[in-house]
Amino acid sequence: MWIYEKKLEFPVKITKPDARLAKIMIEQYGGADGELGASLRYLSQKFTMVTPEAKATLNDIATEEYECHIYQLSPSYSRITN
């Protein structure tokens, strides 16, 4: 599966708030085609799969979408809006 390490792969360096960029980032975070939506779609599809291998694959993809992408966007978003 995956291991949680409390560090970002790429450090976030934001010097000042930027509302325009924050608007773009929040769309990637929770918009119609955002990371959260993608993760939920994979989890929903998991329940329609017949084989355990297919279910496991979709579960792994969903957790990867959520864990990696959401955790990368969240610190950036919180820093850019403060």
C-alpha atoms as a PDB file:
ATOM      1  CA  MET A   1       0.000   0.000   0.000  1.00  0.00           C
ATOM      2  CA  TRP A   2       1.668   3.266   1.071  1.00  0.00           C
ATOM      3  CA  ILE A   3       3.632   4.643   3.987  1.00  0.00           C
ATOM      4  CA  TYR A   4       2.935   8.076   5.414  1.00  0.00           C
ATOM      5  CA  GLU A   5       6.005  10.220   6.031  1.00  0.00           C
ATOM      6  CA  LYS A   6       5.457  13.643   7.539  1.00  0.00           C
ATOM      7  CA  LYS A   7       7.462  15.518   4.902  1.00  0.00           C
ATOM      8  CA  LEU A   8       6.810  16.832   1.433  1.00  0.00           C
ATOM      9  CA  GLU A   9       8.767  15.529  -1.519  1.00  0.00           C
ATOM     10  CA  PHE A  10       9.191  19.082  -2.750  1.00  0.00           C
ATOM     11  CA  PRO A  11       9.295  21.886  -0.158  1.00  0.00           C
ATOM     12  CA  VAL A  12       6.645  24.585  -0.538  1.00  0.00           C
ATOM     13  CA  LYS A  13       8.087  28.098  -0.638  1.00  0.00           C
ATOM     14  CA  ILE A  14       5.398  30.752  -0.766  1.00  0.00           C
ATOM     15  CA  THR A  15       6.305  34.318   0.149  1.00  0.00           C
ATOM     16  CA  LYS A  16       2.954  36.135  -0.082  1.00  0.00           C
ATOM     17  CA  PRO A  17      -0.777  35.398  -0.496  1.00  0.00           C
ATOM     18  CA  ASP A  18      -2.034  35.136  -4.077  1.00  0.00           C
ATOM     19  CA  ALA A  19      -5.831  34.990  -4.505  1.00  0.00           C
ATOM     20  CA  ARG A  20      -5.664  34.237  -8.249  1.00  0.00           C
ATOM     21  CA  LEU A  21      -3.430  31.223  -7.754  1.00  0.00           C
ATOM     22  CA  ALA A  22      -5.498  30.094  -4.754  1.00  0.00           C
ATOM     23  CA  LYS A  23      -8.615  30.034  -6.947  1.00  0.00           C
ATOM     24  CA  ILE A  24      -6.854  27.832  -9.511  1.00  0.00           C
ATOM     25  CA  MET A  25      -5.517  25.524  -6.813  1.00  0.00           C
ATOM     26  CA  ILE A  26      -8.870  25.064  -5.074  1.00  0.00           C
ATOM     27  CA  GLU A  27     -10.374  23.993  -8.410  1.00  0.00           C
ATOM     28  CA  GLN A  28      -7.668  21.316  -8.680  1.00  0.00           C
ATOM     29  CA  TYR A  29      -8.334  20.303  -5.095  1.00  0.00           C
ATOM     30  CA  GLY A  30     -12.106  19.895  -5.075  1.00  0.00           C
ATOM     31  CA  GLY A  31     -13.491  20.936  -8.453  1.00  0.00           C
ATOM     32  CA  ALA A  32     -15.356  18.740 -10.914  1.00  0.00           C
ATOM     33  CA  ASP A  33     -12.117  17.311 -12.308  1.00  0.00           C
ATOM     34  CA  GLY A  34     -10.102  17.769  -9.118  1.00  0.00           C
ATOM     35  CA  GLU A  35      -8.043  15.337  -7.094  1.00  0.00           C
ATOM     36  CA  LEU A  36     -10.721  14.656  -4.492  1.00  0.00           C
ATOM     37  CA  GLY A  37     -13.282  13.858  -7.189  1.00  0.00           C
ATOM     38  CA  ALA A  38     -10.855  11.534  -8.947  1.00  0.00           C
ATOM     39  CA  SER A  39     -10.165   9.678  -5.725  1.00  0.00           C
ATOM     40  CA  LEU A  40     -13.869   9.251  -4.999  1.00  0.00           C
ATOM     41  CA  ARG A  41     -14.550   8.042  -8.552  1.00  0.00           C
ATOM     42  CA  TYR A  42     -11.907   5.331  -8.208  1.00  0.00           C
ATOM     43  CA  LEU A  43     -13.357   4.254  -4.860  1.00  0.00           C
ATOM     44  CA  SER A  44     -16.872   4.102  -6.329  1.00  0.00           C
ATOM     45  CA  GLN A  45     -15.695   2.058  -9.316  1.00  0.00           C
ATOM     46  CA  LYS A  46     -14.027  -0.390  -6.960  1.00  0.00           C
ATOM     47  CA  PHE A  47     -17.418  -1.680  -5.837  1.00  0.00           C
ATOM     48  CA  THR A  48     -18.455  -2.587  -9.391  1.00  0.00           C
ATOM     49  CA  MET A  49     -15.410  -4.769 -10.064  1.00  0.00           C
ATOM     50  CA  VAL A  50     -15.827  -8.525 -10.164  1.00  0.00           C
ATOM     51  CA  THR A  51     -12.315  -9.724  -9.345  1.00  0.00           C
ATOM     52  CA  PRO A  52     -10.486  -9.023  -6.087  1.00  0.00           C
ATOM     53  CA  GLU A  53      -7.404  -7.956  -8.070  1.00  0.00           C
ATOM     54  CA  ALA A  54      -9.355  -5.238  -9.879  1.00  0.00           C
ATOM     55  CA  LYS A  55     -10.868  -4.039  -6.598  1.00  0.00           C
ATOM     56  CA  ALA A  56      -7.425  -3.898  -5.002  1.00  0.00           C
ATOM     57  CA  THR A  57      -5.962  -2.003  -7.958  1.00  0.00           C
ATOM     58  CA  LEU A  58      -8.685   0.650  -7.889  1.00  0.00           C
ATOM     59  CA  ASN A  59      -8.360   0.932  -4.118  1.00  0.00           C
ATOM     60  CA  ASP A  60      -4.608   1.498  -4.457  1.00  0.00           C
ATOM     61  CA  ILE A  61      -5.122   4.129  -7.161  1.00  0.00           C
ATOM     62  CA  ALA A  62      -7.758   5.916  -5.062  1.00  0.00           C
ATOM     63  CA  THR A  63      -5.580   6.049  -1.961  1.00  0.00           C
ATOM     64  CA  GLU A  64      -2.623   7.223  -4.037  1.00  0.00           C
ATOM     65  CA  GLU A  65      -4.730  10.003  -5.582  1.00  0.00           C
ATOM     66  CA  TYR A  66      -5.872  11.072  -2.157  1.00  0.00           C
ATOM     67  CA  GLU A  67      -2.676  10.607  -0.186  1.00  0.00           C
ATOM     68  CA  CYS A  68      -0.147  12.052  -2.596  1.00  0.00           C
ATOM     69  CA  HIS A  69      -2.045  14.709  -4.457  1.00  0.00           C
ATOM     70  CA  ILE A  70      -4.249  16.045  -1.666  1.00  0.00           C
ATOM     71  CA  TYR A  71      -1.323  16.156   0.754  1.00  0.00           C
ATOM     72  CA  GLN A  72       0.725  18.064  -1.807  1.00  0.00           C
ATOM     73  CA  LEU A  73      -1.998  20.605  -2.531  1.00  0.00           C
ATOM     74  CA  SER A  74      -3.188  21.217   1.047  1.00  0.00           C
ATOM     75  CA  PRO A  75      -0.008  22.803   2.481  1.00  0.00           C
ATOM     76  CA  SER A  76       0.380  24.960  -0.603  1.00  0.00           C
ATOM     77  CA  TYR A  77      -3.217  26.123  -0.446  1.00  0.00           C
ATOM     78  CA  SER A  78      -3.100  26.958   3.255  1.00  0.00           C
ATOM     79  CA  ARG A  79       0.092  28.967   2.817  1.00  0.00           C
ATOM     80  CA  ILE A  80      -1.068  30.852  -0.240  1.00  0.00           C
ATOM     81  CA  THR A  81      -4.306  32.018   1.410  1.00  0.00           C
ATOM     82  CA  ASN A  82      -2.775  33.230   4.695  1.00  0.00           C
END
